[in-house]
Structure formats: C-alpha cells, structure tokens
Protein backbone atom coordinates (compact mmCIF):
# COMPACT_ATOMS: atom_id res chain seq x y z
CA UNK A 1 -17.09 2.52 -39.06
CA UNK A 2 -17.79 5.28 -36.34
CA UNK A 3 -14.26 4.39 -34.85
CA UNK A 4 -12.51 4.87 -38.28
CA UNK A 5 -14.29 8.27 -38.79
CA UNK A 6 -13.17 9.11 -35.07
CA UNK A 7 -9.51 8.39 -36.05
CA UNK A 8 -9.62 9.94 -39.20
CA UNK A 9 -10.95 13.04 -37.43
CA UNK A 10 -8.48 12.76 -34.81
CA UNK A 11 -5.64 12.29 -36.98
CA UNK A 12 -6.58 15.30 -39.28
CA UNK A 13 -6.91 17.60 -36.23
CA UNK A 14 -3.79 16.32 -34.75
CA UNK A 15 -1.97 17.00 -38.13
CA UNK A 16 -3.25 20.42 -38.16
CA UNK A 17 -2.15 21.55 -34.55
CA UNK A 18 1.15 19.92 -34.58
CA UNK A 19 2.28 22.20 -37.43
CA UNK A 20 0.96 25.53 -35.86
CA UNK A 21 3.38 27.99 -34.08
CA UNK A 22 3.77 27.99 -30.71
CA UNK A 23 1.63 31.01 -30.34
CA UNK A 24 -1.19 29.39 -32.17
CA UNK A 25 -1.19 26.31 -29.93
CA UNK A 26 -1.32 28.51 -26.83
CA UNK A 27 -4.26 30.46 -28.46
CA UNK A 28 -5.64 26.91 -29.36
CA UNK A 29 -5.25 25.82 -25.57
CA UNK A 30 -6.89 28.71 -24.48
CA UNK A 31 -9.87 28.55 -26.85
CA UNK A 32 -10.53 24.61 -25.54
CA UNK A 33 -10.15 25.01 -22.02
CA UNK A 34 -12.83 27.92 -22.08
CA UNK A 35 -14.98 25.67 -24.11
CA UNK A 36 -14.65 22.98 -21.61
CA UNK A 37 -15.42 25.44 -18.48
CA UNK A 38 -18.46 26.76 -20.46
CA UNK A 39 -19.63 23.17 -21.14
CA UNK A 40 -18.86 22.11 -17.23
CA UNK A 41 -20.94 25.04 -16.07
CA UNK A 42 -23.64 24.11 -18.39
CA UNK A 43 -23.97 20.52 -17.35
CA UNK A 44 -22.64 20.19 -13.74
CA UNK A 45 -23.95 21.57 -10.72
CA UNK A 46 -21.07 21.07 -8.87
CA UNK A 47 -19.25 23.08 -11.42
CA UNK A 48 -21.62 25.79 -10.76
CA UNK A 49 -20.96 25.88 -7.30
CA UNK A 50 -17.09 25.25 -7.74
CA UNK A 51 -16.63 28.33 -10.09
CA UNK A 52 -19.11 30.63 -8.67
CA UNK A 53 -18.22 34.20 -9.25
CA UNK A 54 -15.62 33.68 -11.90
CA UNK A 55 -16.03 34.67 -15.33
CA UNK A 56 -14.50 32.04 -17.58
CA UNK A 57 -14.54 34.16 -20.42
CA UNK A 58 -12.11 36.74 -18.91
CA UNK A 59 -10.30 34.94 -16.31
CA UNK A 60 -7.03 32.99 -16.56
CA UNK A 61 -7.16 29.20 -16.07
CA UNK A 62 -4.73 29.66 -13.05
CA UNK A 63 -7.74 31.70 -11.35
CA UNK A 64 -9.88 28.40 -11.43
CA UNK A 65 -9.67 26.35 -8.09
CA UNK A 66 -8.16 23.11 -8.47
CA UNK A 67 -10.26 19.92 -9.12
CA UNK A 68 -8.89 16.84 -6.71
CA UNK A 69 -9.26 12.88 -6.50
CA UNK A 70 -11.46 13.72 -3.27
CA UNK A 71 -13.56 16.25 -5.02
CA UNK A 72 -14.25 13.90 -7.87
CA UNK A 73 -15.15 10.95 -5.82
CA UNK A 74 -17.18 13.05 -3.52
CA UNK A 75 -19.35 14.86 -6.57
CA UNK A 76 -19.07 12.34 -9.21
CA UNK A 77 -23.03 12.34 -10.20
CA UNK A 78 -22.83 16.16 -10.47
CA UNK A 79 -19.52 16.25 -12.40
CA UNK A 80 -20.14 13.50 -14.93
CA UNK A 81 -23.38 14.81 -16.81
CA UNK A 82 -24.60 11.59 -18.32
CA UNK A 83 -27.24 9.88 -16.05
CA UNK A 84 -25.91 6.46 -17.53
CA UNK A 85 -22.61 7.28 -16.24
CA UNK A 86 -23.77 7.90 -12.64
CA UNK A 87 -21.35 5.95 -10.02
CA UNK A 88 -23.92 3.43 -8.77
CA UNK A 89 -24.85 2.40 -12.41
CA UNK A 90 -20.84 2.16 -13.39
CA UNK A 91 -19.73 0.39 -10.26
CA UNK A 92 -22.70 -2.45 -11.08
CA UNK A 93 -21.46 -2.34 -14.74
CA UNK A 94 -17.83 -3.06 -13.72
CA UNK A 95 -18.59 -5.77 -11.36
CA UNK A 96 -19.22 -8.05 -14.35
CA UNK A 97 -15.57 -9.02 -15.95
CA UNK A 98 -17.58 -9.45 -19.12
CA UNK A 99 -17.71 -5.68 -19.20
CA UNK A 100 -14.34 -5.06 -18.75
CA UNK A 101 -12.67 -3.12 -21.79
CA UNK A 102 -16.02 -2.84 -23.48
CA UNK A 103 -17.13 0.36 -25.15
CA UNK A 104 -20.11 1.11 -22.94
CA UNK A 105 -23.26 1.83 -25.12
CA UNK A 106 -20.70 2.64 -28.20
CA UNK A 107 -19.83 5.56 -26.56
CA UNK A 108 -17.46 5.32 -23.52
CA UNK A 109 -14.50 3.76 -22.00
CA UNK A 110 -15.17 2.90 -18.25
CA UNK A 111 -12.41 1.54 -16.07
CA UNK A 112 -10.69 2.13 -12.76
CA UNK A 113 -7.26 3.67 -12.20
CA UNK A 114 -4.81 1.09 -10.50
CA UNK A 115 -4.94 2.61 -7.24
CA UNK A 116 -0.78 2.86 -6.72
CA UNK A 117 -1.12 5.42 -4.00
CA UNK A 118 -4.85 5.55 -3.05
CA UNK A 119 -8.31 3.59 -3.55
CA UNK A 120 -8.70 2.91 -7.28
CA UNK A 121 -10.86 5.84 -8.90
CA UNK A 122 -13.42 5.20 -11.21
CA UNK A 123 -13.04 7.10 -14.69
CA UNK A 124 -14.79 7.51 -17.74
CA UNK A 125 -13.79 8.58 -21.29
CA UNK A 126 -15.48 9.55 -24.40
CA UNK A 127 -14.49 6.81 -27.15
CA UNK A 128 -13.73 9.74 -29.45
CA UNK A 129 -11.10 11.16 -26.77
CA UNK A 130 -9.55 7.74 -26.67
CA UNK A 131 -8.97 7.62 -30.34
CA UNK A 132 -7.23 10.84 -30.00
CA UNK A 133 -4.77 9.05 -27.73
CA UNK A 134 -4.67 6.05 -30.20
CA UNK A 135 -4.07 8.68 -33.07
CA UNK A 136 -1.37 10.42 -31.52
CA UNK A 137 0.57 7.33 -30.87
CA UNK A 138 0.42 6.69 -34.61
CA UNK A 139 0.92 10.12 -36.03
CA UNK A 140 3.78 11.38 -33.53
CA UNK A 141 6.93 9.37 -34.73
CA UNK A 142 9.44 11.53 -35.66
CA UNK A 143 11.92 14.26 -34.94
CA UNK A 144 9.76 16.71 -36.75
CA UNK A 145 6.04 17.11 -37.32
CA UNK A 146 6.86 17.43 -40.94
CA UNK A 147 8.42 14.17 -41.39
CA UNK A 148 6.21 12.08 -39.49
CA UNK A 149 4.68 8.71 -41.32
CA UNK A 150 1.78 6.92 -40.83
CA UNK A 151 1.93 3.07 -40.24
CA UNK A 152 2.45 0.82 -43.57
CA UNK A 153 0.13 -1.75 -44.79
CA UNK A 154 2.28 -4.93 -45.04
CA UNK A 155 0.84 -6.52 -48.07
CA UNK A 156 1.95 -9.87 -48.38
CA UNK A 157 4.65 -9.52 -45.27
CA UNK A 158 4.26 -10.35 -41.66
CA UNK A 159 2.85 -7.64 -39.37
CA UNK A 160 4.44 -6.26 -36.57
CA UNK A 161 3.83 -8.44 -33.64
CA UNK A 162 2.95 -6.06 -30.76
CA UNK A 163 2.50 -7.62 -27.19
CA UNK A 164 1.11 -5.69 -24.40
CA UNK A 165 1.54 -6.70 -20.69
CA UNK A 166 -1.43 -5.21 -18.62
CA UNK A 167 -3.30 -5.88 -15.71
CA UNK A 168 -6.16 -7.87 -17.03
CA UNK A 169 -7.89 -9.69 -14.01
CA UNK A 170 -9.29 -6.03 -13.10
CA UNK A 171 -11.23 -3.11 -14.87
CA UNK A 172 -7.79 -1.15 -15.16
CA UNK A 173 -7.36 1.55 -17.58
CA UNK A 174 -4.24 -0.35 -19.21
CA UNK A 175 -6.56 -3.52 -20.05
CA UNK A 176 -9.47 -1.05 -21.10
CA UNK A 177 -6.99 0.86 -23.69
CA UNK A 178 -5.85 -2.34 -24.79
CA UNK A 179 -9.39 -4.06 -25.29
CA UNK A 180 -10.74 -0.60 -26.80
CA UNK A 181 -8.08 -0.12 -29.41
CA UNK A 182 -9.47 0.77 -33.10
CA UNK A 183 -9.70 -2.27 -35.16
CA UNK A 184 -8.19 -0.58 -38.02
CA UNK A 185 -4.85 -1.12 -36.00
CA UNK A 186 -5.00 -4.72 -36.85
CA UNK A 187 -4.34 -3.91 -40.63
CA UNK A 188 -0.95 -2.96 -39.66
CA UNK A 189 -0.02 -4.85 -36.34
CA UNK A 190 -0.99 -8.17 -34.78
CA UNK A 191 -1.91 -7.57 -30.95
CA UNK A 192 -1.32 -9.91 -27.95
CA UNK A 193 -2.16 -9.36 -24.24
CA UNK A 194 -0.50 -11.15 -21.37
CA UNK A 195 -1.75 -10.62 -17.85
CA UNK A 196 1.51 -9.13 -16.21
CA UNK A 197 0.05 -10.27 -12.57
CA UNK A 198 0.36 -14.13 -13.78
CA UNK A 199 2.81 -15.98 -12.39
CA UNK A 200 6.18 -14.81 -13.80
CA UNK A 201 7.56 -18.15 -15.39
CA UNK A 202 3.98 -18.27 -17.24
CA UNK A 203 4.64 -14.56 -18.33
CA UNK A 204 7.89 -15.51 -19.80
CA UNK A 205 6.87 -18.76 -21.54
CA UNK A 206 4.18 -16.88 -23.12
CA UNK A 207 6.49 -14.31 -24.63
CA UNK A 208 8.74 -16.67 -25.41
CA UNK A 209 6.01 -18.51 -27.59
CA UNK A 210 4.89 -15.22 -29.34
CA UNK A 211 8.39 -13.88 -29.93
CA UNK A 212 7.22 -10.14 -30.18
CA UNK A 213 8.44 -7.40 -32.05
CA UNK A 214 7.26 -4.79 -29.84
CA UNK A 215 6.54 -4.38 -26.18
CA UNK A 216 4.21 -2.20 -24.08
CA UNK A 217 3.67 -2.17 -20.34
CA UNK A 218 4.54 -0.82 -17.11
CA UNK A 219 8.49 0.37 -17.05
CA UNK A 220 9.38 -1.73 -14.09
CA UNK A 221 8.08 -4.89 -16.04
CA UNK A 222 10.34 -3.99 -19.18
CA UNK A 223 13.27 -3.78 -16.74
CA UNK A 224 12.35 -7.21 -15.00
CA UNK A 225 11.96 -8.69 -18.82
CA UNK A 226 15.37 -7.17 -19.64
CA UNK A 227 16.79 -8.75 -16.56
CA UNK A 228 15.19 -12.20 -17.37
CA UNK A 229 16.63 -11.89 -20.90
CA UNK A 230 20.29 -10.89 -19.76
CA UNK A 231 19.93 -14.04 -17.39
CA UNK A 232 19.08 -16.41 -20.12
CA UNK A 233 15.49 -17.08 -18.71
CA UNK A 234 13.79 -15.40 -21.71
CA UNK A 235 15.29 -15.67 -25.34
CA UNK A 236 13.43 -12.91 -27.32
CA UNK A 237 14.87 -11.76 -31.04
CA UNK A 238 13.03 -8.45 -31.53
CA UNK A 239 13.46 -7.49 -35.33
CA UNK A 240 14.43 -4.28 -36.81
CA UNK A 241 11.48 -1.88 -36.62
CA UNK A 242 10.54 -3.02 -33.10
CA UNK A 243 10.08 -0.72 -30.28
CA UNK A 244 9.47 -0.97 -26.20
CA UNK A 245 7.06 1.54 -24.66
CA UNK A 246 7.34 2.07 -20.93
CA UNK A 247 4.68 4.04 -18.92
CA UNK A 248 2.76 3.75 -15.42
CA UNK A 249 5.74 4.09 -13.53
CA UNK A 250 9.28 5.37 -13.62
CA UNK A 251 11.39 4.83 -16.65
CA UNK A 252 14.81 4.83 -14.78
CA UNK A 253 18.25 5.09 -16.43
CA UNK A 254 19.04 1.81 -15.32
CA UNK A 255 15.89 0.25 -16.84
CA UNK A 256 16.92 2.13 -20.02
CA UNK A 257 20.29 0.57 -20.00
CA UNK A 258 19.12 -2.93 -19.07
CA UNK A 259 16.57 -3.00 -22.18
CA UNK A 260 19.15 -1.80 -24.48
CA UNK A 261 21.80 -4.67 -23.49
CA UNK A 262 19.10 -7.34 -23.44
CA UNK A 263 17.21 -6.30 -26.53
CA UNK A 264 19.14 -3.85 -28.56
CA UNK A 265 16.41 -1.39 -28.03
CA UNK A 266 16.28 1.85 -25.83
CA UNK A 267 12.62 2.10 -24.55
CA UNK A 268 10.49 5.20 -25.07
CA UNK A 269 8.97 6.72 -22.16
CA UNK A 270 4.95 7.57 -21.94
CA UNK A 271 3.37 9.72 -19.28
CA UNK A 272 -0.36 9.89 -18.22
CA UNK A 273 -2.65 8.44 -15.56
CA UNK A 274 -6.21 7.02 -15.76
CA UNK A 275 -7.95 10.36 -15.51
CA UNK A 276 -5.83 11.95 -18.20
CA UNK A 277 -4.64 9.30 -20.80
CA UNK A 278 -2.27 11.39 -23.02
CA UNK A 279 0.00 13.97 -21.15
CA UNK A 280 3.39 13.50 -22.91
CA UNK A 281 4.97 10.91 -24.66
CA UNK A 282 8.46 10.17 -26.15
CA UNK A 283 9.06 9.07 -29.71
CA UNK A 284 11.75 8.72 -32.08
CA UNK A 285 14.66 11.27 -32.36
CA UNK A 286 13.21 12.71 -28.91
CA UNK A 287 15.83 12.88 -26.15
CA UNK A 288 12.85 13.95 -23.70
CA UNK A 289 9.01 13.46 -23.49
CA UNK A 290 7.08 15.90 -25.23
CA UNK A 291 3.52 17.40 -23.96
CA UNK A 292 0.41 17.01 -26.00
CA UNK A 293 -0.45 20.60 -25.62
CA UNK A 294 -3.05 20.27 -27.98
CA UNK A 295 -4.96 17.83 -26.05
CA UNK A 296 -4.47 19.05 -22.37
CA UNK A 297 -2.94 21.80 -20.36
CA UNK A 298 -0.37 21.25 -17.92
CA UNK A 299 0.85 23.41 -15.27
CA UNK A 300 3.66 22.77 -12.85
CA UNK A 301 3.26 24.36 -9.39
CA UNK A 302 5.04 24.71 -5.85
CA UNK A 303 3.75 23.52 -2.72
CA UNK A 304 1.37 26.54 -2.66
CA UNK A 305 0.23 25.80 -5.93
CA UNK A 306 1.67 28.94 -7.36
CA UNK A 307 3.47 28.43 -11.08
CA UNK A 308 7.06 27.63 -11.34
CA UNK A 309 9.72 28.86 -13.62
CA UNK A 310 10.81 26.47 -16.50
CA UNK A 311 13.28 23.77 -15.61
CA UNK A 312 12.21 24.03 -11.75
CA UNK A 313 10.86 20.90 -10.02
CA UNK A 314 7.36 21.00 -9.10
CA UNK A 315 5.67 19.70 -6.03
CA UNK A 316 2.56 18.58 -7.89
CA UNK A 317 0.91 19.77 -11.24
CA UNK A 318 -2.56 20.40 -12.41
CA UNK A 319 -3.76 19.19 -15.99
CA UNK A 320 -6.91 20.02 -17.67
CA UNK A 321 -7.98 17.54 -20.56
CA UNK A 322 -9.25 19.38 -23.60
CA UNK A 323 -11.00 16.55 -25.54
CA UNK A 324 -12.77 14.24 -22.99
CA UNK A 325 -16.35 15.85 -22.34
CA UNK A 326 -17.81 12.46 -20.49
CA UNK A 327 -15.65 13.61 -17.28
CA UNK A 328 -14.71 17.32 -17.60
CA UNK A 329 -11.83 17.96 -15.33
CA UNK A 330 -10.52 21.51 -14.99
CA UNK A 331 -7.02 21.83 -13.16
CA UNK A 332 -7.16 18.28 -12.04
CA UNK A 333 -4.42 17.62 -9.30
CA UNK A 334 -1.83 14.83 -10.03
CA UNK A 335 0.82 14.48 -7.39
CA UNK A 336 3.84 13.46 -9.74
CA UNK A 337 6.63 15.62 -9.34
CA UNK A 338 7.49 17.18 -12.90
CA UNK A 339 10.18 19.45 -14.48
CA UNK A 340 8.82 21.03 -17.63
CA UNK A 341 11.71 22.04 -20.29
CA UNK A 342 11.67 24.57 -23.27
CA UNK A 343 9.43 24.23 -26.18
CA UNK A 344 10.76 21.70 -28.51
CA UNK A 345 13.08 22.62 -31.40
CA UNK A 346 10.90 21.21 -34.27
CA UNK A 347 7.43 20.65 -32.53
CA UNK A 348 5.26 23.44 -31.20
CA UNK A 349 5.20 21.40 -27.49
CA UNK A 350 6.66 21.68 -23.88
CA UNK A 351 9.34 19.15 -23.28
CA UNK A 352 8.78 17.63 -19.93
CA UNK A 353 12.54 16.72 -18.94
CA UNK A 354 11.95 14.72 -15.77
CA UNK A 355 9.08 12.64 -14.11
CA UNK A 356 9.22 11.56 -10.55
CA UNK A 357 6.91 9.09 -8.92
CA UNK A 358 3.96 10.11 -6.64
CA UNK A 359 5.11 12.74 -4.42
CA UNK A 360 3.01 11.90 -1.62
CA UNK A 361 4.56 8.45 -0.71
CA UNK A 362 5.98 8.77 2.72
CA UNK A 363 7.64 7.04 5.51
CA UNK A 364 6.63 7.58 9.14
CA UNK A 365 9.75 6.53 11.26
CA UNK A 366 10.09 6.51 14.87
CA UNK A 367 13.55 7.19 16.20
CA UNK A 368 11.96 7.40 18.84
CA UNK A 369 10.64 10.89 17.64
CA UNK A 370 8.24 10.84 15.11
CA UNK A 371 9.78 11.78 11.69
CA UNK A 372 7.98 11.86 8.38
CA UNK A 373 10.14 11.55 5.19
CA UNK A 374 8.94 11.80 1.35
CA UNK A 375 9.92 8.79 -0.46
CA UNK A 376 10.65 10.78 -3.32
CA UNK A 377 14.13 11.86 -1.77
CA UNK A 378 15.32 8.12 -2.12
CA UNK A 379 14.45 8.42 -5.85
CA UNK A 380 16.67 11.66 -6.31
CA UNK A 381 19.34 10.03 -4.80
CA UNK A 382 19.21 6.89 -7.16
CA UNK A 383 18.18 8.80 -10.33
CA UNK A 384 21.84 9.26 -11.69
CA UNK A 385 23.45 6.03 -10.61
CA UNK A 386 24.19 4.09 -13.46
CA UNK A 387 25.68 1.16 -11.14
CA UNK A 388 22.07 0.09 -9.99
CA UNK A 389 19.69 -1.21 -12.57
CA UNK A 390 16.52 -1.45 -10.54
CA UNK A 391 15.93 -0.90 -6.90
CA UNK A 392 13.11 -0.88 -4.18
CA UNK A 393 12.88 0.65 -0.61
CA UNK A 394 11.06 -1.39 1.91
CA UNK A 395 10.30 -0.23 5.32
CA UNK A 396 11.22 -3.22 7.79
CA UNK A 397 10.66 -1.61 11.01
CA UNK A 398 10.02 1.92 13.08
CA UNK A 399 13.16 3.10 12.17
CA UNK A 400 14.71 0.89 9.68
CA UNK A 401 14.72 0.63 5.62
CA UNK A 402 16.00 -1.63 3.49
CA UNK A 403 17.21 -0.82 -0.14
CA UNK A 404 16.69 -4.08 -2.42
CA UNK A 405 19.12 -3.41 -5.36
CA UNK A 406 19.70 -5.21 -8.68
CA UNK A 407 23.24 -4.00 -9.79
CA UNK A 408 24.26 -3.28 -13.22
CA UNK A 409 26.49 -6.02 -14.93
CA UNK A 410 30.08 -5.62 -13.81
CA UNK A 411 29.45 -3.96 -10.69
CA UNK A 412 31.11 -5.28 -7.56
CA UNK A 413 28.71 -5.60 -4.68
CA UNK A 414 31.58 -5.19 -2.36
CA UNK A 415 32.14 -1.55 -3.62
CA UNK A 416 28.26 -1.04 -4.50
CA UNK A 417 26.84 -1.93 -1.19
CA UNK A 418 29.00 0.47 1.17
CA UNK A 419 28.85 3.45 -1.34
CA UNK A 420 25.31 3.37 -1.82
CA UNK A 421 24.72 3.06 2.12
CA UNK A 422 26.83 6.07 2.60
CA UNK A 423 24.62 7.97 0.15
CA UNK A 424 21.22 7.07 1.49
CA UNK A 425 22.62 7.77 5.13
CA UNK A 426 23.48 11.35 3.74
CA UNK A 427 19.97 11.35 2.08
CA UNK A 428 18.21 10.48 5.32
CA UNK A 429 20.22 12.88 7.63
CA UNK A 430 19.63 15.82 5.38
CA UNK A 431 15.73 15.34 6.07
CA UNK A 432 16.22 15.05 9.75
CA UNK A 433 16.11 11.10 9.70
CA UNK A 434 19.63 10.62 10.86
CA UNK A 435 18.36 7.97 13.36
CA UNK A 436 17.01 5.77 10.65
CA UNK A 437 19.06 2.79 9.61
CA UNK A 438 19.18 1.89 6.03
CA UNK A 439 20.82 -1.15 4.53
CA UNK A 440 21.55 -2.06 0.94
CA UNK A 441 20.71 -5.82 -0.07
CA UNK A 442 21.84 -7.06 -3.31
CA UNK A 443 19.31 -9.15 -5.11
CA UNK A 444 18.77 -11.06 -8.53
CA UNK A 445 15.36 -9.64 -9.22
CA UNK A 446 12.59 -7.61 -7.60
CA UNK A 447 9.19 -8.73 -6.71
CA UNK A 448 6.04 -6.87 -8.19
CA UNK A 449 2.82 -6.06 -6.27
CA UNK A 450 0.77 -9.15 -7.18
CA UNK A 451 -2.27 -6.88 -7.83
CA UNK A 452 -0.91 -4.80 -10.38
CA UNK A 453 2.08 -6.31 -11.65
CA UNK A 454 4.23 -3.03 -10.86
CA UNK A 455 7.39 -2.93 -8.75
CA UNK A 456 6.71 -0.37 -6.49
CA UNK A 457 9.89 1.82 -5.76
CA UNK A 458 8.73 3.03 -2.29
CA UNK A 459 6.93 0.36 0.08
CA UNK A 460 6.20 1.83 3.55
CA UNK A 461 4.67 -0.16 6.40
CA UNK A 462 1.04 0.32 5.84
CA UNK A 463 0.40 0.68 9.57
CA UNK A 464 3.72 3.00 10.36
C-alpha cells in the first residue's frame, strides 16, 4: 500500500509542477536544491567540510564545489547518512544474488552502475524517489502537459505486453528498476524480463515466444533487434499502441531508422544514469528529450566548469537530484557531452537536443609520438551519416583503429567504405593524429560487451 501512496503523491506533485510557468519551476528548483543542501549539511560530515564557508541560503548553486565519482567512492560513509547504508553493509548485501532488485528494508533500491567507463559505482535511492521516476513515465506522454493521460485499465482485454532487456546477472541499475517497479503497473501491462547478456539466439527465441507490444533496453540492443528483424531472424508483430524505449547508450539516427523500418515504430530516447535515474526523456509529440526540471537541476559547462550558452556543446555537466535524500548529491559531475536547447513550447522544461556518450573515452596512439585522441570526435563524424546503421571503433594496434560498420539498406559498400574512410582520416588529422591508420570494415552485426549487453561505440586498447 505504501508504494501506491508513493505513486499517488508523486503523480499529484508532478501534475502540479508540469503546469507551472517556467519562472515558477525555477523558483521550485531553487527551493529544492537549497533544502537538499541544508539536509546534506545536517547529516553529512563530508558536506560540512566540502561546503565550509558557503552560506547555502544566499549563494548560487554554481558557487558550490562539484561532487565527483571519486569523492563519492572515497567518502561514501560520510555522505550517505543512514548507518544501514554504509558501504561494507551494502557490498555484503549485494553479494547475495537473492537481494538483487529487492527493496532493502522496504525503503531503498540498492544497486551498481554498469561501469561502462570506470569501476561500477555503488548507488542507493529512496524508493519514494524511484517512484517519482515511475510516475513521470506514466504521466508525461503528450505534446502538452494539459493533454497527458494516465494508463487505462483494459477490462476484458489483453494488457500491453512489455519486455525489458536488462543486465540480470548483476546487481545493475536496469535490473533493479525493473524488479522494483510498483505492483500497480501490473493492472495496465504485463512485464517480462530478458537477460540481455544471454546468448543472442536465446534472446531472439524468447522474444519470438513472448511477442511483445513494447520494448525497453539499451539503445544499441534495440538496433541489434531491428537488424535481426530485417534479416529474418526475428518476427515480431508489435501492435498499435506499442512503443520502444532506448536508453543507457546513444540512440543514433541509424538505430532510429532501423527500428522504424523493422517494427514501424520510431524509438523514444531516455537519458539518465545510475546515480540520477531521471534526467531527461522523450515522449509522444517530442522532437527532442525534455529535462525533468522539477526532479533535478542540470548545468552544462565548459572544460573549466563554467556555464555555457544555450545551444553550445558542453564538455561535461553537473546534475543535482532534488528528491533522493538517501544519497544527497550536489552538482554531481557526469562526463556526457550535452547540448541544452530552449524551454519547450508547451512544457516548462528545458529541451536536451543532443546527448553524446562519455567524453572521457580516449585512445592513446603511438605514431611513434604519443597522441591522445578523444573518442567523441569519431561520434561527431558519424552522428549525421544516414548511410550507417550502427558502428563500433576498435583500436587494433599502437597506430591503427578499425571502424566496424553495419550499413543502411541499399547502401553500396564500394561507395561507403572509401567515403567513410576519407571522413575518418580528416577527423584524425584535425586532431593531430594524421599518422593513425583507420580502416572501415562492413559487418553483418556488432558484438556486444558480454558483461553488460551493450554495444560499445569506442573500444580503445586496455593497455594503450
């Protein structure tokens, strides 16, 4: 019953805030981040040191020093206030697979991030804060907040069948979010889980058996499923009213096109991370993602951490969750490169027009001089190419890199390969890596990381 009350409360609050003016939302953000800062100072010895000399009643959010993954890891027991959530206790708790996806003590969702670019990070969320994320997914579904509708009970009819492809053999965020979904959702949909790291033919066979109406999972996995459908390895007949949600990695133009051709559905984008579940989402009628500005504050900044103008591409970003008190984070650094757009025409929230993967992924080349190349530069080159369905860059030697490419239908490899190689050569030369050789190889499909199920777009040599 408490979960139902959480959802009802969250839904009521979200309805109220999404009907506010932009100025009212900004005032709400201000009240909430200051309340979170006061709470952090009250319960956390770390924050009392970290914010020493700063008056949180009078300062600006940008006056606070950022929080990083390293600081969170090193000071966990002084940041997370409840002794039942101390690191040693939680690590022991998560050693038992029976606890993965459980609501600990009826109050907290505990899990690890996938650790795409670093070691997996322990995270904890108030279950009430998790229910804000679930409520926002149900409530925010229209071009205008005045035309949103709640899910309908299908009395006497078949409920929508939803399949989530998650990393189920680890205490991952995706698994925990699926396992801790509110029971009330079962009144509207049936939910099924598939381990995305299982053998691929097994994944396809289970999907074929289930015949889902809706799919949720990593964007790169949605691309692989679309390719399997187009190749005749999969035969899904997704009915009207179904949807595809892609998140956790880049939803590229190629993946969008593949899903539209394969399933007749253009996927929606989601953006968040293990530490901050709901940053932005795209829903029906939206061209871009829309930020959940009533649930967090997002700042896009340059390399020195200074605010950048609207429309500029950030070096990194800071995000301040406004609901989750289990793990108070103030200006938490995320290394994604983001481009914030204007406030939406109908919603009082900022749009997020571009999300690129982790900006910290780097290649170290020796030509023979040592050259460091940021993998993001490859993504910029590939971003607008509609002749490429999906791709992966793999460093194959000290001065060589290969671009594995799944071409879009009807594209001739004899044209694509030399044209793309020329593009990539210009990309490397502009970054001072003209001595690096990049070759393009057309492949039928891309192989995922067996641990996470994601198809990583940049794979440098681990010991480069």
